Amino acid sequence: MLITPATVADVDVISTILGEIEEYYGGQNTPGDHGRIRAALFGDRPAATVLLARDGDDALGFASYTYLWPAAGADSSLYLKELFVRGTARRRGVARVLMAELESIAVAAGCSRVEWTADADNPPALAFYEALGAERRDGKVFYRLGV
């Protein structure tokens, strides 16, 4: 398994995986718009970085992250927005390898921590994160404001 940053050549596979993510969360498997993906990831002001886990030409999984500031004091944190392993690749260690790569990236970038949220109604994800030794934080309430 190889973990690589996505490039503009990966827009099609990212689009497909975004559709699979929507389906996983109860929506329709509608691929992501190629133009919006290019703008968000490879435009003048990238919103995130995507890592792809690969086995040869086959994309197994996906991690999307960005940096947040401030974390503690004047530190930055790496914020994991989405971690997703395709159905055929689950339970093969893909998520664990992606998380290890994210931790390495955070250390190299001088971040003080890696942070993320998880859906309370996703027991497999919660069990996975607890098995990694992640500390569950109950002190914050998640909000969303549509614009």
N, C-alpha and C. Protein backbone atom coordinates (compact mmCIF):
# COMPACT_ATOMS: atom_id res chain seq x y z
N MET A 1 0.85 -1.18 0.00
CA MET A 1 0.00 0.00 0.00
C MET A 1 0.90 1.24 0.00
N LEU A 2 0.51 2.20 -0.81
CA LEU A 2 1.25 3.44 -0.93
C LEU A 2 0.30 4.60 -0.64
N ILE A 3 0.75 5.54 0.18
CA ILE A 3 -0.03 6.73 0.49
C ILE A 3 0.62 7.89 -0.25
N THR A 4 -0.17 8.60 -1.08
CA THR A 4 0.35 9.72 -1.84
C THR A 4 -0.62 10.89 -1.78
N PRO A 5 -0.08 12.11 -1.85
CA PRO A 5 -0.97 13.27 -1.99
C PRO A 5 -1.67 13.19 -3.35
N ALA A 6 -2.92 13.55 -3.39
CA ALA A 6 -3.65 13.57 -4.64
C ALA A 6 -3.11 14.69 -5.54
N THR A 7 -3.18 14.46 -6.83
CA THR A 7 -2.81 15.47 -7.81
C THR A 7 -4.03 15.72 -8.70
N VAL A 8 -3.91 16.70 -9.56
CA VAL A 8 -5.02 17.01 -10.46
C VAL A 8 -5.38 15.80 -11.32
N ALA A 9 -4.44 14.91 -11.55
CA ALA A 9 -4.72 13.69 -12.33
C ALA A 9 -5.66 12.74 -11.58
N ASP A 10 -5.87 12.97 -10.29
CA ASP A 10 -6.72 12.11 -9.47
C ASP A 10 -8.15 12.63 -9.32
N VAL A 11 -8.50 13.68 -10.04
CA VAL A 11 -9.83 14.28 -9.88
C VAL A 11 -10.93 13.26 -10.12
N ASP A 12 -10.78 12.40 -11.12
CA ASP A 12 -11.83 11.42 -11.42
C ASP A 12 -12.03 10.44 -10.27
N VAL A 13 -10.96 9.92 -9.69
CA VAL A 13 -11.11 8.96 -8.59
C VAL A 13 -11.62 9.68 -7.34
N ILE A 14 -11.21 10.90 -7.10
CA ILE A 14 -11.73 11.67 -5.97
C ILE A 14 -13.23 11.87 -6.15
N SER A 15 -13.64 12.20 -7.35
CA SER A 15 -15.07 12.37 -7.66
C SER A 15 -15.85 11.11 -7.33
N THR A 16 -15.34 9.98 -7.75
CA THR A 16 -16.00 8.70 -7.49
C THR A 16 -16.08 8.41 -6.00
N ILE A 17 -14.99 8.63 -5.28
CA ILE A 17 -14.98 8.38 -3.84
C ILE A 17 -15.95 9.32 -3.12
N LEU A 18 -16.05 10.57 -3.56
CA LEU A 18 -17.01 11.48 -2.93
C LEU A 18 -18.44 10.96 -3.07
N GLY A 19 -18.76 10.37 -4.21
CA GLY A 19 -20.07 9.75 -4.37
C GLY A 19 -20.26 8.58 -3.40
N GLU A 20 -19.22 7.78 -3.22
CA GLU A 20 -19.29 6.65 -2.29
C GLU A 20 -19.45 7.14 -0.85
N ILE A 21 -18.81 8.24 -0.51
CA ILE A 21 -18.96 8.81 0.83
C ILE A 21 -20.41 9.25 1.05
N GLU A 22 -20.99 9.92 0.06
CA GLU A 22 -22.39 10.35 0.18
C GLU A 22 -23.30 9.15 0.39
N GLU A 23 -23.06 8.07 -0.36
CA GLU A 23 -23.87 6.86 -0.22
C GLU A 23 -23.70 6.25 1.16
N TYR A 24 -22.47 6.22 1.67
CA TYR A 24 -22.19 5.66 2.99
C TYR A 24 -22.99 6.37 4.07
N TYR A 25 -23.14 7.68 3.92
CA TYR A 25 -23.87 8.47 4.92
C TYR A 25 -25.36 8.58 4.61
N GLY A 26 -25.87 7.75 3.71
CA GLY A 26 -27.31 7.68 3.48
C GLY A 26 -27.83 8.45 2.29
N GLY A 27 -26.97 9.11 1.55
CA GLY A 27 -27.39 9.85 0.37
C GLY A 27 -27.28 9.00 -0.88
N GLN A 28 -27.38 9.69 -2.01
CA GLN A 28 -27.23 9.00 -3.30
C GLN A 28 -25.77 9.02 -3.72
N ASN A 29 -25.36 7.99 -4.40
CA ASN A 29 -23.99 7.90 -4.89
C ASN A 29 -23.88 8.78 -6.14
N THR A 30 -23.72 10.08 -5.90
CA THR A 30 -23.56 11.04 -6.98
C THR A 30 -22.12 11.53 -6.95
N PRO A 31 -21.35 11.25 -7.99
CA PRO A 31 -19.95 11.69 -8.00
C PRO A 31 -19.82 13.21 -7.83
N GLY A 32 -18.70 13.63 -7.28
CA GLY A 32 -18.44 15.05 -7.09
C GLY A 32 -18.13 15.73 -8.41
N ASP A 33 -18.48 17.00 -8.50
CA ASP A 33 -18.26 17.81 -9.69
C ASP A 33 -16.75 18.05 -9.91
N HIS A 34 -16.26 17.68 -11.08
CA HIS A 34 -14.81 17.77 -11.36
C HIS A 34 -14.29 19.20 -11.23
N GLY A 35 -15.04 20.18 -11.74
CA GLY A 35 -14.59 21.56 -11.65
C GLY A 35 -14.48 22.05 -10.22
N ARG A 36 -15.44 21.67 -9.40
CA ARG A 36 -15.41 22.09 -7.99
C ARG A 36 -14.26 21.41 -7.26
N ILE A 37 -13.99 20.15 -7.59
CA ILE A 37 -12.86 19.44 -6.97
C ILE A 37 -11.55 20.12 -7.35
N ARG A 38 -11.38 20.41 -8.63
CA ARG A 38 -10.15 21.09 -9.08
C ARG A 38 -9.97 22.43 -8.35
N ALA A 39 -11.05 23.20 -8.26
CA ALA A 39 -10.96 24.51 -7.60
C ALA A 39 -10.64 24.36 -6.12
N ALA A 40 -11.29 23.41 -5.45
CA ALA A 40 -11.11 23.24 -4.00
C ALA A 40 -9.73 22.71 -3.64
N LEU A 41 -9.20 21.82 -4.45
CA LEU A 41 -7.94 21.16 -4.09
C LEU A 41 -6.71 21.70 -4.82
N PHE A 42 -6.91 22.22 -6.04
CA PHE A 42 -5.75 22.57 -6.86
C PHE A 42 -5.82 24.00 -7.40
N GLY A 43 -6.73 24.80 -6.87
CA GLY A 43 -6.88 26.18 -7.31
C GLY A 43 -5.89 27.11 -6.62
N ASP A 44 -6.15 28.41 -6.75
CA ASP A 44 -5.26 29.43 -6.18
C ASP A 44 -5.20 29.38 -4.66
N ARG A 45 -6.29 28.97 -4.02
CA ARG A 45 -6.34 28.91 -2.56
C ARG A 45 -6.91 27.56 -2.15
N PRO A 46 -6.08 26.52 -2.16
CA PRO A 46 -6.59 25.18 -1.84
C PRO A 46 -7.26 25.13 -0.47
N ALA A 47 -8.44 24.51 -0.43
CA ALA A 47 -9.19 24.38 0.81
C ALA A 47 -8.72 23.20 1.65
N ALA A 48 -8.11 22.23 1.02
CA ALA A 48 -7.70 21.02 1.72
C ALA A 48 -6.63 20.30 0.92
N THR A 49 -6.06 19.31 1.56
CA THR A 49 -5.15 18.37 0.90
C THR A 49 -5.78 17.00 1.02
N VAL A 50 -5.68 16.21 -0.02
CA VAL A 50 -6.22 14.85 -0.02
C VAL A 50 -5.07 13.87 -0.15
N LEU A 51 -5.09 12.85 0.72
CA LEU A 51 -4.19 11.71 0.59
C LEU A 51 -4.99 10.55 0.03
N LEU A 52 -4.37 9.80 -0.85
CA LEU A 52 -5.00 8.59 -1.39
C LEU A 52 -4.16 7.39 -0.99
N ALA A 53 -4.82 6.35 -0.50
CA ALA A 53 -4.17 5.07 -0.24
C ALA A 53 -4.37 4.24 -1.49
N ARG A 54 -3.29 3.68 -2.00
CA ARG A 54 -3.35 2.96 -3.27
C ARG A 54 -2.72 1.57 -3.16
N ASP A 55 -3.27 0.69 -3.93
CA ASP A 55 -2.69 -0.62 -4.17
C ASP A 55 -2.55 -0.71 -5.68
N GLY A 56 -1.36 -0.38 -6.19
CA GLY A 56 -1.17 -0.27 -7.63
C GLY A 56 -2.00 0.91 -8.15
N ASP A 57 -2.84 0.66 -9.13
CA ASP A 57 -3.70 1.70 -9.69
C ASP A 57 -5.02 1.83 -8.95
N ASP A 58 -5.27 0.95 -7.99
CA ASP A 58 -6.54 0.92 -7.28
C ASP A 58 -6.50 1.84 -6.06
N ALA A 59 -7.39 2.84 -6.01
CA ALA A 59 -7.50 3.72 -4.83
C ALA A 59 -8.32 3.01 -3.77
N LEU A 60 -7.74 2.81 -2.60
CA LEU A 60 -8.39 2.08 -1.51
C LEU A 60 -9.10 2.99 -0.53
N GLY A 61 -8.55 4.17 -0.33
CA GLY A 61 -9.09 5.06 0.67
C GLY A 61 -8.63 6.48 0.47
N PHE A 62 -9.13 7.35 1.34
CA PHE A 62 -9.05 8.79 1.14
C PHE A 62 -8.99 9.48 2.49
N ALA A 63 -8.15 10.47 2.64
CA ALA A 63 -8.15 11.33 3.82
C ALA A 63 -8.02 12.77 3.35
N SER A 64 -8.90 13.62 3.85
CA SER A 64 -8.89 15.04 3.50
C SER A 64 -8.56 15.82 4.76
N TYR A 65 -7.57 16.71 4.66
CA TYR A 65 -7.17 17.46 5.84
C TYR A 65 -6.80 18.89 5.49
N THR A 66 -6.77 19.70 6.53
CA THR A 66 -6.33 21.08 6.44
C THR A 66 -5.67 21.44 7.76
N TYR A 67 -5.20 22.66 7.88
CA TYR A 67 -4.59 23.11 9.12
C TYR A 67 -5.49 24.15 9.78
N LEU A 68 -5.52 24.13 11.12
CA LEU A 68 -6.27 25.11 11.89
C LEU A 68 -5.32 25.88 12.79
N TRP A 69 -5.65 27.13 13.01
CA TRP A 69 -4.87 27.97 13.89
C TRP A 69 -5.81 28.92 14.60
N PRO A 70 -5.65 29.18 15.87
CA PRO A 70 -4.68 28.59 16.78
C PRO A 70 -5.18 27.27 17.35
N ALA A 71 -4.25 26.46 17.78
CA ALA A 71 -4.59 25.21 18.48
C ALA A 71 -4.37 25.49 19.96
N ALA A 72 -3.19 25.20 20.48
CA ALA A 72 -2.83 25.54 21.85
C ALA A 72 -1.85 26.71 21.77
N GLY A 73 -2.23 27.83 22.36
CA GLY A 73 -1.35 29.00 22.26
C GLY A 73 -1.27 29.46 20.82
N ALA A 74 -0.09 29.49 20.29
CA ALA A 74 0.10 29.91 18.90
C ALA A 74 0.39 28.72 17.99
N ASP A 75 0.15 27.50 18.48
CA ASP A 75 0.38 26.29 17.67
C ASP A 75 -0.71 26.11 16.63
N SER A 76 -0.42 25.28 15.65
CA SER A 76 -1.40 24.86 14.66
C SER A 76 -1.77 23.41 14.92
N SER A 77 -2.92 23.01 14.38
CA SER A 77 -3.31 21.61 14.44
C SER A 77 -3.63 21.15 13.02
N LEU A 78 -3.48 19.87 12.79
CA LEU A 78 -3.92 19.27 11.54
C LEU A 78 -5.35 18.80 11.79
N TYR A 79 -6.27 19.23 10.94
CA TYR A 79 -7.68 18.88 11.10
C TYR A 79 -8.08 17.89 10.00
N LEU A 80 -8.45 16.70 10.42
CA LEU A 80 -8.92 15.66 9.51
C LEU A 80 -10.40 15.89 9.26
N LYS A 81 -10.76 16.21 8.04
CA LYS A 81 -12.16 16.45 7.71
C LYS A 81 -12.87 15.16 7.34
N GLU A 82 -12.19 14.31 6.59
CA GLU A 82 -12.84 13.07 6.14
C GLU A 82 -11.82 11.96 6.02
N LEU A 83 -12.16 10.82 6.59
CA LEU A 83 -11.38 9.59 6.44
C LEU A 83 -12.36 8.56 5.92
N PHE A 84 -12.04 7.98 4.77
CA PHE A 84 -12.97 7.03 4.16
C PHE A 84 -12.19 5.92 3.48
N VAL A 85 -12.60 4.70 3.75
CA VAL A 85 -12.02 3.52 3.09
C VAL A 85 -13.14 2.88 2.28
N ARG A 86 -12.83 2.61 1.03
CA ARG A 86 -13.82 2.01 0.14
C ARG A 86 -14.22 0.63 0.64
N GLY A 87 -15.46 0.26 0.37
CA GLY A 87 -16.03 -0.98 0.91
C GLY A 87 -15.18 -2.21 0.70
N THR A 88 -14.60 -2.37 -0.47
CA THR A 88 -13.81 -3.57 -0.77
C THR A 88 -12.46 -3.59 -0.06
N ALA A 89 -12.06 -2.45 0.52
CA ALA A 89 -10.74 -2.37 1.16
C ALA A 89 -10.83 -2.28 2.69
N ARG A 90 -12.03 -2.32 3.23
CA ARG A 90 -12.18 -2.19 4.68
C ARG A 90 -11.61 -3.40 5.41
N ARG A 91 -11.15 -3.14 6.63
CA ARG A 91 -10.60 -4.16 7.52
C ARG A 91 -9.28 -4.73 6.99
N ARG A 92 -8.56 -3.90 6.22
CA ARG A 92 -7.25 -4.30 5.69
C ARG A 92 -6.14 -3.38 6.18
N GLY A 93 -6.45 -2.52 7.16
CA GLY A 93 -5.43 -1.63 7.72
C GLY A 93 -5.25 -0.32 6.98
N VAL A 94 -6.10 -0.04 6.00
CA VAL A 94 -5.96 1.18 5.20
C VAL A 94 -6.13 2.42 6.08
N ALA A 95 -7.17 2.46 6.89
CA ALA A 95 -7.42 3.64 7.73
C ALA A 95 -6.28 3.86 8.71
N ARG A 96 -5.76 2.80 9.26
CA ARG A 96 -4.65 2.91 10.22
C ARG A 96 -3.41 3.50 9.54
N VAL A 97 -3.13 3.08 8.31
CA VAL A 97 -1.97 3.61 7.59
C VAL A 97 -2.20 5.08 7.24
N LEU A 98 -3.42 5.43 6.82
CA LEU A 98 -3.72 6.84 6.54
C LEU A 98 -3.56 7.70 7.80
N MET A 99 -4.04 7.22 8.93
CA MET A 99 -3.91 7.98 10.18
C MET A 99 -2.45 8.14 10.58
N ALA A 100 -1.65 7.12 10.40
CA ALA A 100 -0.21 7.22 10.71
C ALA A 100 0.46 8.26 9.81
N GLU A 101 0.07 8.29 8.55
CA GLU A 101 0.64 9.28 7.63
C GLU A 101 0.22 10.69 8.03
N LEU A 102 -1.03 10.86 8.44
CA LEU A 102 -1.48 12.17 8.90
C LEU A 102 -0.70 12.63 10.13
N GLU A 103 -0.44 11.71 11.04
CA GLU A 103 0.34 12.05 12.22
C GLU A 103 1.75 12.49 11.83
N SER A 104 2.36 11.78 10.90
CA SER A 104 3.70 12.16 10.42
C SER A 104 3.69 13.54 9.77
N ILE A 105 2.68 13.81 8.98
CA ILE A 105 2.55 15.12 8.33
C ILE A 105 2.40 16.21 9.39
N ALA A 106 1.59 15.95 10.41
CA ALA A 106 1.39 16.93 11.47
C ALA A 106 2.69 17.22 12.21
N VAL A 107 3.44 16.20 12.52
CA VAL A 107 4.73 16.38 13.21
C VAL A 107 5.67 17.20 12.33
N ALA A 108 5.77 16.84 11.06
CA ALA A 108 6.66 17.56 10.14
C ALA A 108 6.26 19.02 9.98
N ALA A 109 4.96 19.31 10.10
CA ALA A 109 4.47 20.68 9.95
C ALA A 109 4.53 21.47 11.26
N GLY A 110 4.97 20.84 12.35
CA GLY A 110 5.07 21.52 13.63
C GLY A 110 3.74 21.68 14.36
N CYS A 111 2.78 20.84 14.02
CA CYS A 111 1.47 20.90 14.68
C CYS A 111 1.56 20.29 16.08
N SER A 112 0.71 20.77 16.97
CA SER A 112 0.70 20.23 18.32
C SER A 112 -0.27 19.07 18.47
N ARG A 113 -1.17 18.88 17.48
CA ARG A 113 -2.14 17.79 17.59
C ARG A 113 -2.83 17.56 16.25
N VAL A 114 -3.50 16.40 16.17
CA VAL A 114 -4.40 16.06 15.07
C VAL A 114 -5.79 16.02 15.67
N GLU A 115 -6.74 16.67 15.02
CA GLU A 115 -8.10 16.74 15.53
C GLU A 115 -9.09 16.33 14.44
N TRP A 116 -10.26 15.83 14.88
CA TRP A 116 -11.33 15.49 13.94
C TRP A 116 -12.62 15.30 14.71
N THR A 117 -13.71 15.19 13.99
CA THR A 117 -14.98 14.83 14.60
C THR A 117 -15.40 13.49 14.02
N ALA A 118 -16.30 12.83 14.71
CA ALA A 118 -16.86 11.56 14.23
C ALA A 118 -18.34 11.55 14.56
N ASP A 119 -19.11 10.94 13.69
CA ASP A 119 -20.55 10.84 13.93
C ASP A 119 -20.80 9.88 15.09
N ALA A 120 -21.63 10.31 16.03
CA ALA A 120 -21.95 9.48 17.19
C ALA A 120 -22.66 8.20 16.79
N ASP A 121 -23.33 8.20 15.64
CA ASP A 121 -24.05 7.00 15.18
C ASP A 121 -23.23 6.16 14.21
N ASN A 122 -21.89 6.23 14.34
CA ASN A 122 -20.99 5.42 13.51
C ASN A 122 -20.08 4.60 14.43
N PRO A 123 -20.64 3.56 15.08
CA PRO A 123 -19.85 2.78 16.04
C PRO A 123 -18.55 2.21 15.48
N PRO A 124 -18.49 1.75 14.22
CA PRO A 124 -17.20 1.25 13.74
C PRO A 124 -16.11 2.33 13.74
N ALA A 125 -16.47 3.55 13.35
CA ALA A 125 -15.48 4.63 13.36
C ALA A 125 -15.05 4.95 14.78
N LEU A 126 -16.01 5.03 15.69
CA LEU A 126 -15.68 5.35 17.08
C LEU A 126 -14.77 4.29 17.68
N ALA A 127 -15.06 3.03 17.42
CA ALA A 127 -14.21 1.95 17.93
C ALA A 127 -12.81 2.02 17.33
N PHE A 128 -12.72 2.34 16.05
CA PHE A 128 -11.42 2.47 15.38
C PHE A 128 -10.59 3.58 16.04
N TYR A 129 -11.20 4.74 16.24
CA TYR A 129 -10.46 5.87 16.82
C TYR A 129 -10.04 5.56 18.25
N GLU A 130 -10.91 4.89 19.01
CA GLU A 130 -10.53 4.52 20.38
C GLU A 130 -9.39 3.51 20.37
N ALA A 131 -9.39 2.59 19.40
CA ALA A 131 -8.31 1.60 19.29
C ALA A 131 -6.98 2.27 18.96
N LEU A 132 -7.03 3.42 18.30
CA LEU A 132 -5.81 4.18 18.01
C LEU A 132 -5.26 4.87 19.26
N GLY A 133 -6.09 4.94 20.30
CA GLY A 133 -5.69 5.64 21.50
C GLY A 133 -6.11 7.11 21.50
N ALA A 134 -6.98 7.49 20.58
CA ALA A 134 -7.45 8.87 20.53
C ALA A 134 -8.31 9.18 21.74
N GLU A 135 -8.17 10.38 22.23
CA GLU A 135 -8.92 10.82 23.40
C GLU A 135 -10.23 11.47 22.95
N ARG A 136 -11.34 10.91 23.41
CA ARG A 136 -12.65 11.49 23.10
C ARG A 136 -12.83 12.76 23.91
N ARG A 137 -13.25 13.82 23.25
CA ARG A 137 -13.44 15.12 23.88
C ARG A 137 -14.92 15.46 23.89
N ASP A 138 -15.51 15.62 25.06
CA ASP A 138 -16.93 15.91 25.15
C ASP A 138 -17.22 17.37 25.46
N GLY A 139 -16.20 18.22 25.53
CA GLY A 139 -16.39 19.59 25.97
C GLY A 139 -16.88 20.57 24.92
N LYS A 140 -17.05 20.14 23.68
CA LYS A 140 -17.46 21.05 22.61
C LYS A 140 -18.77 20.57 22.01
N VAL A 141 -19.50 21.52 21.48
CA VAL A 141 -20.74 21.24 20.76
C VAL A 141 -20.52 21.62 19.31
N PHE A 142 -20.86 20.75 18.41
CA PHE A 142 -20.67 20.98 16.97
C PHE A 142 -21.86 21.78 16.43
N TYR A 143 -21.56 22.83 15.69
CA TYR A 143 -22.59 23.66 15.06
C TYR A 143 -22.36 23.69 13.55
N ARG A 144 -23.42 23.97 12.82
CA ARG A 144 -23.31 24.15 11.37
C ARG A 144 -24.30 25.24 10.96
N LEU A 145 -23.85 26.18 10.16
CA LEU A 145 -24.66 27.26 9.65
C LEU A 145 -24.60 27.23 8.13
N GLY A 146 -25.71 26.96 7.50
CA GLY A 146 -25.73 26.95 6.04
C GLY A 146 -25.60 28.36 5.49
N VAL A 147 -24.91 28.49 4.38
CA VAL A 147 -24.75 29.82 3.75
C VAL A 147 -25.14 29.75 2.28
